[in-house]
Amino acid sequence: MKRLTAADFDPEVLKLFDGYVHGQVSRRDFLSRAGRYAAGGATAATLLAQLSPSFAAPLVAPADARLKTGFADFPSPHGYGTVHGYLAEPAKANGRLPAILVVHENRGLNPHIEDVTRRIALEGYLAYAPDALHPLGGYPGDEDKARELFTKLDQTKTRADFIAAAHALAALPQGTGKIGVVGFCWGGGIANYLATQLPDLAAAVPFYGMQPPAVDVARIRAPLLIHDAGNDERILAGWSAYEAALKAHHVNYQHFVYPGVEHGFNNDTTPRYDEAAAKLAWQRTMAFFKTKLG
């Protein structure tokens, strides 16, 4: 069966889906408005199902013998008890390893982000992906329910938990103390945010994430590798102001825009995935972390 890609959908449907994923369009509105673009016996509900993630084929199996994986908890600063997340590391490491904090999209720690965490660990890192939804019971196993839960988070406390996770990751005895962060969508925004908050951060890689306020850019010390999608009007709208602030404060950054691809192009569980752009962005990311973290 042919794998669907963004090219199989009307651009207006993709825009509607992006709005739905990010809470700007309700499910009812998506189904009502997308129906006019359905063809060949498909329905709006079919379009929504086709665009939604499928976690059936992870790139790195959860039981991959090359890795040690499990869940790890660290103290939370806001009475939740713990920051809870997925930790992956090489099964046979020669000495201490640098660490990478992995920040998920706006659905919590789903199977795709666990897979990404394992991919990073295979590159020779301690990789830790916290679940922002842990205070609300954790990722519920359903993307729509996860998205609904996400709106109930106290974002100030959630951001503080990711700062706590970064500090805990830097202090792991099997680590070198050097840490980087990579984030996707909402997590890309958190990667940008952490760069403004952590003076010792060694590297930050936001994938199609919201930019921080220009006033906060003066605090960035970490080098940045920024990946954006050419068709992502929502994120690219903030780029000019961000770039001006980065230049004004002499921040070390690289910015890559991948032409003709959609927001979420790195996520290989949905049709918005673009194989060529994702592979290139991943190669650049791993080379960047190798240079900055060792």
C-alpha atoms as a PDB file:
ATOM      1  CA  MET A   1       0.000   0.000   0.000  1.00  0.00           C
ATOM      2  CA  LYS A   2       1.357   3.421  -0.999  1.00  0.00           C
ATOM      3  CA  ARG A   3       2.485   5.576   1.874  1.00  0.00           C
ATOM      4  CA  LEU A   4       0.630   8.884   1.884  1.00  0.00           C
ATOM      5  CA  THR A   5       2.625  12.101   1.772  1.00  0.00           C
ATOM      6  CA  ALA A   6       1.724  15.772   2.067  1.00  0.00           C
ATOM      7  CA  ALA A   7       1.429  15.868  -1.747  1.00  0.00           C
ATOM      8  CA  ASP A   8      -1.652  13.622  -1.488  1.00  0.00           C
ATOM      9  CA  PHE A   9      -3.603  16.330   0.353  1.00  0.00           C
ATOM     10  CA  ASP A  10      -4.933  19.698  -0.717  1.00  0.00           C
ATOM     11  CA  PRO A  11      -2.793  22.483   0.829  1.00  0.00           C
ATOM     12  CA  GLU A  12      -5.911  23.884   2.494  1.00  0.00           C
ATOM     13  CA  VAL A  13      -6.485  20.560   4.250  1.00  0.00           C
ATOM     14  CA  LEU A  14      -2.905  20.632   5.511  1.00  0.00           C
ATOM     15  CA  LYS A  15      -3.456  24.154   6.854  1.00  0.00           C
ATOM     16  CA  LEU A  16      -6.663  23.057   8.558  1.00  0.00           C
ATOM     17  CA  PHE A  17      -4.890  20.071  10.078  1.00  0.00           C
ATOM     18  CA  ASP A  18      -2.073  22.262  11.384  1.00  0.00           C
ATOM     19  CA  GLY A  19      -4.675  24.507  12.965  1.00  0.00           C
ATOM     20  CA  TYR A  20      -6.411  21.499  14.477  1.00  0.00           C
ATOM     21  CA  VAL A  21      -3.184  20.054  15.872  1.00  0.00           C
ATOM     22  CA  HIS A  22      -2.325  23.377  17.486  1.00  0.00           C
ATOM     23  CA  GLY A  23      -5.735  24.105  18.974  1.00  0.00           C
ATOM     24  CA  GLN A  24      -6.750  26.865  16.557  1.00  0.00           C
ATOM     25  CA  VAL A  25      -9.394  24.745  14.803  1.00  0.00           C
ATOM     26  CA  SER A  26     -11.802  22.431  16.624  1.00  0.00           C
ATOM     27  CA  ARG A  27     -12.397  18.875  15.504  1.00  0.00           C
ATOM     28  CA  ARG A  28     -15.911  19.846  14.432  1.00  0.00           C
ATOM     29  CA  ASP A  29     -14.610  22.776  12.393  1.00  0.00           C
ATOM     30  CA  PHE A  30     -11.953  20.616  10.764  1.00  0.00           C
ATOM     31  CA  LEU A  31     -14.520  18.030   9.720  1.00  0.00           C
ATOM     32  CA  SER A  32     -16.908  20.693   8.496  1.00  0.00           C
ATOM     33  CA  ARG A  33     -14.358  22.630   6.472  1.00  0.00           C
ATOM     34  CA  ALA A  34     -12.230  19.725   5.214  1.00  0.00           C
ATOM     35  CA  GLY A  35     -15.223  17.938   3.738  1.00  0.00           C
ATOM     36  CA  ARG A  36     -15.232  20.183   0.682  1.00  0.00           C
ATOM     37  CA  TYR A  37     -11.761  18.854  -0.243  1.00  0.00           C
ATOM     38  CA  ALA A  38     -12.618  15.178   0.153  1.00  0.00           C
ATOM     39  CA  ALA A  39     -12.740  13.245  -3.108  1.00  0.00           C
ATOM     40  CA  GLY A  40     -12.845   9.722  -4.469  1.00  0.00           C
ATOM     41  CA  GLY A  41     -15.222   8.428  -1.830  1.00  0.00           C
ATOM     42  CA  ALA A  42     -13.168   9.826   1.054  1.00  0.00           C
ATOM     43  CA  THR A  43     -14.771  11.827   3.854  1.00  0.00           C
ATOM     44  CA  ALA A  44     -13.445  14.549   6.127  1.00  0.00           C
ATOM     45  CA  ALA A  45     -13.141  11.918   8.859  1.00  0.00           C
ATOM     46  CA  THR A  46     -11.046   9.820   6.475  1.00  0.00           C
ATOM     47  CA  LEU A  47      -8.737  12.785   5.842  1.00  0.00           C
ATOM     48  CA  LEU A  48      -8.302  13.335   9.568  1.00  0.00           C
ATOM     49  CA  ALA A  49      -7.517   9.670  10.162  1.00  0.00           C
ATOM     50  CA  GLN A  50      -5.033   9.635   7.280  1.00  0.00           C
ATOM     51  CA  LEU A  51      -3.190  12.689   8.612  1.00  0.00           C
ATOM     52  CA  SER A  52      -3.022  11.407  12.187  1.00  0.00           C
ATOM     53  CA  PRO A  53       0.053   9.527  13.476  1.00  0.00           C
ATOM     54  CA  SER A  54       0.620   5.796  13.180  1.00  0.00           C
ATOM     55  CA  PHE A  55       3.159   4.331  15.598  1.00  0.00           C
ATOM     56  CA  ALA A  56       3.302   0.864  14.056  1.00  0.00           C
ATOM     57  CA  ALA A  57       6.894   0.933  12.767  1.00  0.00           C
ATOM     58  CA  PRO A  58       9.511   2.572  15.005  1.00  0.00           C
ATOM     59  CA  LEU A  59      12.925   3.054  13.458  1.00  0.00           C
ATOM     60  CA  VAL A  60      14.646   1.662  16.567  1.00  0.00           C
ATOM     61  CA  ALA A  61      12.791  -1.118  18.376  1.00  0.00           C
ATOM     62  CA  PRO A  62      12.083  -0.594  22.086  1.00  0.00           C
ATOM     63  CA  ALA A  63      13.965  -3.802  22.902  1.00  0.00           C
ATOM     64  CA  ASP A  64      17.015  -3.022  20.752  1.00  0.00           C
ATOM     65  CA  ALA A  65      19.915  -4.861  22.421  1.00  0.00           C
ATOM     66  CA  ARG A  66      22.322  -2.015  21.668  1.00  0.00           C
ATOM     67  CA  LEU A  67      20.565   0.168  24.206  1.00  0.00           C
ATOM     68  CA  LYS A  68      19.568   0.366  27.841  1.00  0.00           C
ATOM     69  CA  THR A  69      16.171   2.000  28.157  1.00  0.00           C
ATOM     70  CA  GLY A  70      13.701   2.700  30.914  1.00  0.00           C
ATOM     71  CA  PHE A  71      11.874   5.416  32.766  1.00  0.00           C
ATOM     72  CA  ALA A  72      13.649   7.753  35.149  1.00  0.00           C
ATOM     73  CA  ASP A  73      12.311  10.271  37.650  1.00  0.00           C
ATOM     74  CA  PHE A  74      13.943  13.449  38.911  1.00  0.00           C
ATOM     75  CA  PRO A  75      12.731  15.924  41.549  1.00  0.00           C
ATOM     76  CA  SER A  76      10.213  18.482  40.352  1.00  0.00           C
ATOM     77  CA  PRO A  77      10.392  22.014  41.779  1.00  0.00           C
ATOM     78  CA  HIS A  78       6.625  22.493  41.874  1.00  0.00           C
ATOM     79  CA  GLY A  79       5.079  19.846  44.047  1.00  0.00           C
ATOM     80  CA  TYR A  80       4.384  17.308  41.307  1.00  0.00           C
ATOM     81  CA  GLY A  81       6.783  14.974  43.062  1.00  0.00           C
ATOM     82  CA  THR A  82       8.859  14.095  40.037  1.00  0.00           C
ATOM     83  CA  VAL A  83       9.769  14.874  36.465  1.00  0.00           C
ATOM     84  CA  HIS A  84       9.069  11.596  34.714  1.00  0.00           C
ATOM     85  CA  GLY A  85      10.627  10.616  31.415  1.00  0.00           C
ATOM     86  CA  TYR A  86      12.185   8.044  29.132  1.00  0.00           C
ATOM     87  CA  LEU A  87      15.942   7.494  29.386  1.00  0.00           C
ATOM     88  CA  ALA A  88      17.963   5.721  26.700  1.00  0.00           C
ATOM     89  CA  GLU A  89      21.705   5.124  26.593  1.00  0.00           C
ATOM     90  CA  PRO A  90      24.153   2.835  24.804  1.00  0.00           C
ATOM     91  CA  ALA A  91      24.318  -0.599  26.404  1.00  0.00           C
ATOM     92  CA  LYS A  92      28.107  -0.664  26.124  1.00  0.00           C
ATOM     93  CA  ALA A  93      29.533   2.797  26.641  1.00  0.00           C
ATOM     94  CA  ASN A  94      33.239   3.488  26.842  1.00  0.00           C
ATOM     95  CA  GLY A  95      33.404   6.095  29.576  1.00  0.00           C
ATOM     96  CA  ARG A  96      31.061   8.958  30.317  1.00  0.00           C
ATOM     97  CA  LEU A  97      28.774  10.355  27.667  1.00  0.00           C
ATOM     98  CA  PRO A  98      27.323  13.778  26.872  1.00  0.00           C
ATOM     99  CA  ALA A  99      23.564  14.062  27.240  1.00  0.00           C
ATOM    100  CA  ILE A 100      20.695  15.351  25.136  1.00  0.00           C
ATOM    101  CA  LEU A 101      17.319  16.446  26.444  1.00  0.00           C
ATOM    102  CA  VAL A 102      14.547  15.513  23.989  1.00  0.00           C
ATOM    103  CA  VAL A 103      11.399  17.652  24.053  1.00  0.00           C
ATOM    104  CA  HIS A 104       8.204  16.293  22.529  1.00  0.00           C
ATOM    105  CA  GLU A 105       5.447  17.914  20.521  1.00  0.00           C
ATOM    106  CA  ASN A 106       2.191  19.089  22.079  1.00  0.00           C
ATOM    107  CA  ARG A 107       0.944  15.582  22.778  1.00  0.00           C
ATOM    108  CA  GLY A 108       3.348  14.421  25.459  1.00  0.00           C
ATOM    109  CA  LEU A 109       5.750  11.498  25.487  1.00  0.00           C
ATOM    110  CA  ASN A 110       4.264   9.350  22.743  1.00  0.00           C
ATOM    111  CA  PRO A 111       5.874   6.319  21.042  1.00  0.00           C
ATOM    112  CA  HIS A 112       7.378   8.481  18.289  1.00  0.00           C
ATOM    113  CA  ILE A 113       9.369  10.606  20.742  1.00  0.00           C
ATOM    114  CA  GLU A 114      10.508   7.478  22.570  1.00  0.00           C
ATOM    115  CA  ASP A 115      11.767   6.231  19.196  1.00  0.00           C
ATOM    116  CA  VAL A 116      13.583   9.537  18.548  1.00  0.00           C
ATOM    117  CA  THR A 117      15.171   9.246  21.988  1.00  0.00           C
ATOM    118  CA  ARG A 118      16.483   5.785  21.130  1.00  0.00           C
ATOM    119  CA  ARG A 119      17.836   7.053  17.807  1.00  0.00           C
ATOM    120  CA  ILE A 120      19.821   9.714  19.633  1.00  0.00           C
ATOM    121  CA  ALA A 121      21.147   7.229  22.186  1.00  0.00           C
ATOM    122  CA  LEU A 122      22.449   5.065  19.347  1.00  0.00           C
ATOM    123  CA  GLU A 123      24.576   8.026  18.288  1.00  0.00           C
ATOM    124  CA  GLY A 124      26.460   7.759  21.586  1.00  0.00           C
ATOM    125  CA  TYR A 125      24.490   9.972  23.976  1.00  0.00           C
ATOM    126  CA  LEU A 126      22.479   9.767  27.137  1.00  0.00           C
ATOM    127  CA  ALA A 127      19.050  10.782  25.851  1.00  0.00           C
ATOM    128  CA  TYR A 128      16.210  11.761  28.151  1.00  0.00           C
ATOM    129  CA  ALA A 129      12.662  12.712  27.123  1.00  0.00           C
ATOM    130  CA  PRO A 130      10.459  14.046  29.927  1.00  0.00           C
ATOM    131  CA  ASP A 131       6.681  13.767  29.710  1.00  0.00           C
ATOM    132  CA  ALA A 132       5.102  17.187  30.285  1.00  0.00           C
ATOM    133  CA  LEU A 133       1.771  15.417  30.855  1.00  0.00           C
ATOM    134  CA  HIS A 134       3.059  13.449  33.854  1.00  0.00           C
ATOM    135  CA  PRO A 135       1.313  15.755  36.380  1.00  0.00           C
ATOM    136  CA  LEU A 136      -1.992  14.984  34.607  1.00  0.00           C
ATOM    137  CA  GLY A 137      -1.475  11.225  34.500  1.00  0.00           C
ATOM    138  CA  GLY A 138       0.995  11.021  31.627  1.00  0.00           C
ATOM    139  CA  TYR A 139       0.590  10.476  27.907  1.00  0.00           C
ATOM    140  CA  PRO A 140      -2.845   8.802  27.627  1.00  0.00           C
ATOM    141  CA  GLY A 141      -2.148   6.652  24.581  1.00  0.00           C
ATOM    142  CA  ASP A 142      -4.489   8.696  22.382  1.00  0.00           C
ATOM    143  CA  GLU A 143      -3.294  11.739  20.441  1.00  0.00           C
ATOM    144  CA  ASP A 144      -6.570  13.659  20.661  1.00  0.00           C
ATOM    145  CA  LYS A 145      -6.867  13.080  24.407  1.00  0.00           C
ATOM    146  CA  ALA A 146      -3.223  14.057  24.812  1.00  0.00           C
ATOM    147  CA  ARG A 147      -3.792  17.297  22.931  1.00  0.00           C
ATOM    148  CA  GLU A 148      -6.777  18.092  25.132  1.00  0.00           C
ATOM    149  CA  LEU A 149      -4.761  17.398  28.291  1.00  0.00           C
ATOM    150  CA  PHE A 150      -2.002  19.665  27.059  1.00  0.00           C
ATOM    151  CA  THR A 151      -4.267  22.704  27.252  1.00  0.00           C
ATOM    152  CA  LYS A 152      -4.698  22.053  30.985  1.00  0.00           C
ATOM    153  CA  LEU A 153      -0.997  22.293  31.830  1.00  0.00           C
ATOM    154  CA  ASP A 154       0.401  25.176  33.819  1.00  0.00           C
ATOM    155  CA  GLN A 155       2.989  26.189  31.254  1.00  0.00           C
ATOM    156  CA  THR A 156       5.099  28.110  33.793  1.00  0.00           C
ATOM    157  CA  LYS A 157       5.440  25.028  35.951  1.00  0.00           C
ATOM    158  CA  THR A 158       5.977  22.817  32.927  1.00  0.00           C
ATOM    159  CA  ARG A 159       8.854  24.994  31.741  1.00  0.00           C
ATOM    160  CA  ALA A 160      10.389  24.888  35.205  1.00  0.00           C
ATOM    161  CA  ASP A 161      10.201  21.093  35.104  1.00  0.00           C
ATOM    162  CA  PHE A 162      12.174  21.025  31.859  1.00  0.00           C
ATOM    163  CA  ILE A 163      14.817  23.255  33.431  1.00  0.00           C
ATOM    164  CA  ALA A 164      14.956  20.815  36.364  1.00  0.00           C
ATOM    165  CA  ALA A 165      15.276  17.903  33.935  1.00  0.00           C
ATOM    166  CA  ALA A 166      18.195  19.601  32.190  1.00  0.00           C
ATOM    167  CA  HIS A 167      20.008  20.131  35.494  1.00  0.00           C
ATOM    168  CA  ALA A 168      19.364  16.528  36.540  1.00  0.00           C
ATOM    169  CA  LEU A 169      20.589  15.234  33.203  1.00  0.00           C
ATOM    170  CA  ALA A 170      23.796  17.247  33.506  1.00  0.00           C
ATOM    171  CA  ALA A 171      24.398  15.685  36.927  1.00  0.00           C
ATOM    172  CA  LEU A 172      24.041  12.027  35.916  1.00  0.00           C
ATOM    173  CA  PRO A 173      27.108  10.084  37.068  1.00  0.00           C
ATOM    174  CA  GLN A 174      27.462   8.347  33.705  1.00  0.00           C
ATOM    175  CA  GLY A 175      27.474  11.702  31.922  1.00  0.00           C
ATOM    176  CA  THR A 176      30.163  14.245  31.123  1.00  0.00           C
ATOM    177  CA  GLY A 177      28.067  17.149  32.401  1.00  0.00           C
ATOM    178  CA  LYS A 178      27.656  18.545  28.882  1.00  0.00           C
ATOM    179  CA  ILE A 179      24.087  18.719  27.653  1.00  0.00           C
ATOM    180  CA  GLY A 180      22.253  19.718  24.518  1.00  0.00           C
ATOM    181  CA  VAL A 181      18.546  19.968  23.780  1.00  0.00           C
ATOM    182  CA  VAL A 182      16.489  19.072  20.727  1.00  0.00           C
ATOM    183  CA  GLY A 183      12.783  19.781  20.474  1.00  0.00           C
ATOM    184  CA  PHE A 184       9.986  19.436  17.957  1.00  0.00           C
ATOM    185  CA  CYS A 185       6.999  21.764  17.426  1.00  0.00           C
ATOM    186  CA  TRP A 186       6.013  22.758  21.002  1.00  0.00           C
ATOM    187  CA  GLY A 187       9.306  21.152  22.001  1.00  0.00           C
ATOM    188  CA  GLY A 188      11.133  23.363  19.505  1.00  0.00           C
ATOM    189  CA  GLY A 189       9.744  26.336  21.386  1.00  0.00           C
ATOM    190  CA  ILE A 190      10.960  24.808  24.637  1.00  0.00           C
ATOM    191  CA  ALA A 191      14.418  24.285  23.106  1.00  0.00           C
ATOM    192  CA  ASN A 192      14.470  27.989  22.240  1.00  0.00           C
ATOM    193  CA  TYR A 193      13.268  28.835  25.737  1.00  0.00           C
ATOM    194  CA  LEU A 194      15.882  26.675  27.455  1.00  0.00           C
ATOM    195  CA  ALA A 195      18.590  28.427  25.462  1.00  0.00           C
ATOM    196  CA  THR A 196      17.504  31.660  27.178  1.00  0.00           C
ATOM    197  CA  GLN A 197      17.485  30.067  30.628  1.00  0.00           C
ATOM    198  CA  LEU A 198      20.508  27.769  30.791  1.00  0.00           C
ATOM    199  CA  PRO A 199      23.840  29.586  30.456  1.00  0.00           C
ATOM    200  CA  ASP A 200      25.736  26.289  30.493  1.00  0.00           C
ATOM    201  CA  LEU A 201      23.692  24.684  27.716  1.00  0.00           C
ATOM    202  CA  ALA A 202      26.148  23.407  25.113  1.00  0.00           C
ATOM    203  CA  ALA A 203      23.816  23.301  22.101  1.00  0.00           C
ATOM    204  CA  ALA A 204      20.149  23.746  21.177  1.00  0.00           C
ATOM    205  CA  VAL A 205      18.306  22.410  18.133  1.00  0.00           C
ATOM    206  CA  PRO A 206      14.714  23.587  17.690  1.00  0.00           C
ATOM    207  CA  PHE A 207      12.686  21.957  14.935  1.00  0.00           C
ATOM    208  CA  TYR A 208       9.908  24.308  13.748  1.00  0.00           C
ATOM    209  CA  GLY A 209       9.482  25.828  17.198  1.00  0.00           C
ATOM    210  CA  MET A 210       8.061  29.151  18.333  1.00  0.00           C
ATOM    211  CA  GLN A 211      10.731  31.773  18.878  1.00  0.00           C
ATOM    212  CA  PRO A 212      11.313  33.331  22.320  1.00  0.00           C
ATOM    213  CA  PRO A 213      10.584  37.015  22.957  1.00  0.00           C
ATOM    214  CA  ALA A 214      13.306  39.205  21.457  1.00  0.00           C
ATOM    215  CA  VAL A 215      14.032  40.692  24.885  1.00  0.00           C
ATOM    216  CA  ASP A 216      15.157  37.253  26.130  1.00  0.00           C
ATOM    217  CA  VAL A 217      17.630  36.603  23.311  1.00  0.00           C
ATOM    218  CA  ALA A 218      20.378  38.542  25.088  1.00  0.00           C
ATOM    219  CA  ARG A 219      20.626  35.662  27.576  1.00  0.00           C
ATOM    220  CA  ILE A 220      21.378  33.000  24.957  1.00  0.00           C
ATOM    221  CA  ARG A 221      24.885  31.560  25.240  1.00  0.00           C
ATOM    222  CA  ALA A 222      24.406  28.216  23.500  1.00  0.00           C
ATOM    223  CA  PRO A 223      24.957  27.833  19.756  1.00  0.00           C
ATOM    224  CA  LEU A 224      21.692  27.195  17.897  1.00  0.00           C
ATOM    225  CA  LEU A 225      20.839  24.996  14.931  1.00  0.00           C
ATOM    226  CA  ILE A 226      17.336  25.953  13.785  1.00  0.00           C
ATOM    227  CA  HIS A 227      15.252  23.849  11.378  1.00  0.00           C
ATOM    228  CA  ASP A 228      12.092  25.279   9.781  1.00  0.00           C
ATOM    229  CA  ALA A 229       9.671  24.117   7.109  1.00  0.00           C
ATOM    230  CA  GLY A 230       9.245  26.173   3.975  1.00  0.00           C
ATOM    231  CA  ASN A 231       5.435  25.880   4.062  1.00  0.00           C
ATOM    232  CA  ASP A 232       5.166  26.722   7.768  1.00  0.00           C
ATOM    233  CA  GLU A 233       3.737  30.239   7.623  1.00  0.00           C
ATOM    234  CA  ARG A 234       2.809  30.206  11.316  1.00  0.00           C
ATOM    235  CA  ILE A 235       6.380  29.643  12.557  1.00  0.00           C
ATOM    236  CA  LEU A 236       8.186  31.558   9.840  1.00  0.00           C
ATOM    237  CA  ALA A 237       6.123  34.653  10.662  1.00  0.00           C
ATOM    238  CA  GLY A 238       8.264  35.130  13.771  1.00  0.00           C
ATOM    239  CA  TRP A 239      11.621  34.517  12.143  1.00  0.00           C
ATOM    240  CA  SER A 240      12.572  38.042  11.064  1.00  0.00           C
ATOM    241  CA  ALA A 241      12.276  39.477  14.560  1.00  0.00           C
ATOM    242  CA  TYR A 242      14.108  36.514  16.051  1.00  0.00           C
ATOM    243  CA  GLU A 243      16.925  36.723  13.526  1.00  0.00           C
ATOM    244  CA  ALA A 244      17.353  40.447  14.142  1.00  0.00           C
ATOM    245  CA  ALA A 245      17.660  39.799  17.883  1.00  0.00           C
ATOM    246  CA  LEU A 246      20.107  36.924  17.347  1.00  0.00           C
ATOM    247  CA  LYS A 247      22.308  39.141  15.199  1.00  0.00           C
ATOM    248  CA  ALA A 248      22.063  42.094  17.575  1.00  0.00           C
ATOM    249  CA  HIS A 249      23.301  39.951  20.455  1.00  0.00           C
ATOM    250  CA  HIS A 250      25.921  38.069  18.409  1.00  0.00           C
ATOM    251  CA  VAL A 251      24.387  34.649  19.035  1.00  0.00           C
ATOM    252  CA  ASN A 252      26.026  31.776  17.192  1.00  0.00           C
ATOM    253  CA  TYR A 253      23.227  30.314  15.069  1.00  0.00           C
ATOM    254  CA  GLN A 254      22.507  28.457  11.858  1.00  0.00           C
ATOM    255  CA  HIS A 255      19.063  28.524  10.267  1.00  0.00           C
ATOM    256  CA  PHE A 256      17.884  26.070   7.654  1.00  0.00           C
ATOM    257  CA  VAL A 257      14.557  26.325   5.851  1.00  0.00           C
ATOM    258  CA  TYR A 258      13.540  23.192   3.930  1.00  0.00           C
ATOM    259  CA  PRO A 259      11.619  24.306   0.820  1.00  0.00           C
ATOM    260  CA  GLY A 260       8.226  22.854   0.038  1.00  0.00           C
ATOM    261  CA  VAL A 261       7.808  20.843   3.234  1.00  0.00           C
ATOM    262  CA  GLU A 262       5.274  21.052   6.043  1.00  0.00           C
ATOM    263  CA  HIS A 263       5.467  21.773   9.746  1.00  0.00           C
ATOM    264  CA  GLY A 264       6.220  18.412  11.356  1.00  0.00           C
ATOM    265  CA  PHE A 265       8.336  17.185   8.451  1.00  0.00           C
ATOM    266  CA  ASN A 266      10.648  15.232  10.776  1.00  0.00           C
ATOM    267  CA  ASN A 267       7.824  13.142  12.255  1.00  0.00           C
ATOM    268  CA  ASP A 268       7.817   9.905  10.273  1.00  0.00           C
ATOM    269  CA  THR A 269       4.503   8.721  11.727  1.00  0.00           C
ATOM    270  CA  THR A 270       2.395  11.147   9.655  1.00  0.00           C
ATOM    271  CA  PRO A 271       2.022  12.073   5.960  1.00  0.00           C
ATOM    272  CA  ARG A 272       3.588  15.469   6.673  1.00  0.00           C
ATOM    273  CA  TYR A 273       6.910  13.637   6.971  1.00  0.00           C
ATOM    274  CA  ASP A 274       9.382  14.466   4.238  1.00  0.00           C
ATOM    275  CA  GLU A 275      12.094  11.835   3.977  1.00  0.00           C
ATOM    276  CA  ALA A 276      14.715  13.939   2.208  1.00  0.00           C
ATOM    277  CA  ALA A 277      14.321  16.967   4.466  1.00  0.00           C
ATOM    278  CA  ALA A 278      14.170  14.841   7.614  1.00  0.00           C
ATOM    279  CA  LYS A 279      17.333  12.913   6.733  1.00  0.00           C
ATOM    280  CA  LEU A 280      19.240  16.083   5.937  1.00  0.00           C
ATOM    281  CA  ALA A 281      18.064  17.827   9.098  1.00  0.00           C
ATOM    282  CA  TRP A 282      18.979  14.771  11.167  1.00  0.00           C
ATOM    283  CA  GLN A 283      22.459  14.576   9.635  1.00  0.00           C
ATOM    284  CA  ARG A 284      23.002  18.237  10.359  1.00  0.00           C
ATOM    285  CA  THR A 285      21.720  17.823  13.895  1.00  0.00           C
ATOM    286  CA  MET A 286      23.963  14.885  14.734  1.00  0.00           C
ATOM    287  CA  ALA A 287      27.001  16.616  13.222  1.00  0.00           C
ATOM    288  CA  PHE A 288      26.181  19.754  15.245  1.00  0.00           C
ATOM    289  CA  PHE A 289      25.875  17.810  18.496  1.00  0.00           C
ATOM    290  CA  LYS A 290      29.107  15.949  17.743  1.00  0.00           C
ATOM    291  CA  THR A 291      30.921  19.258  17.326  1.00  0.00           C
ATOM    292  CA  LYS A 292      29.410  20.958  20.363  1.00  0.00           C
ATOM    293  CA  LEU A 293      29.069  18.048  22.806  1.00  0.00           C
ATOM    294  CA  GLY A 294      31.760  15.625  21.681  1.00  0.00           C
END
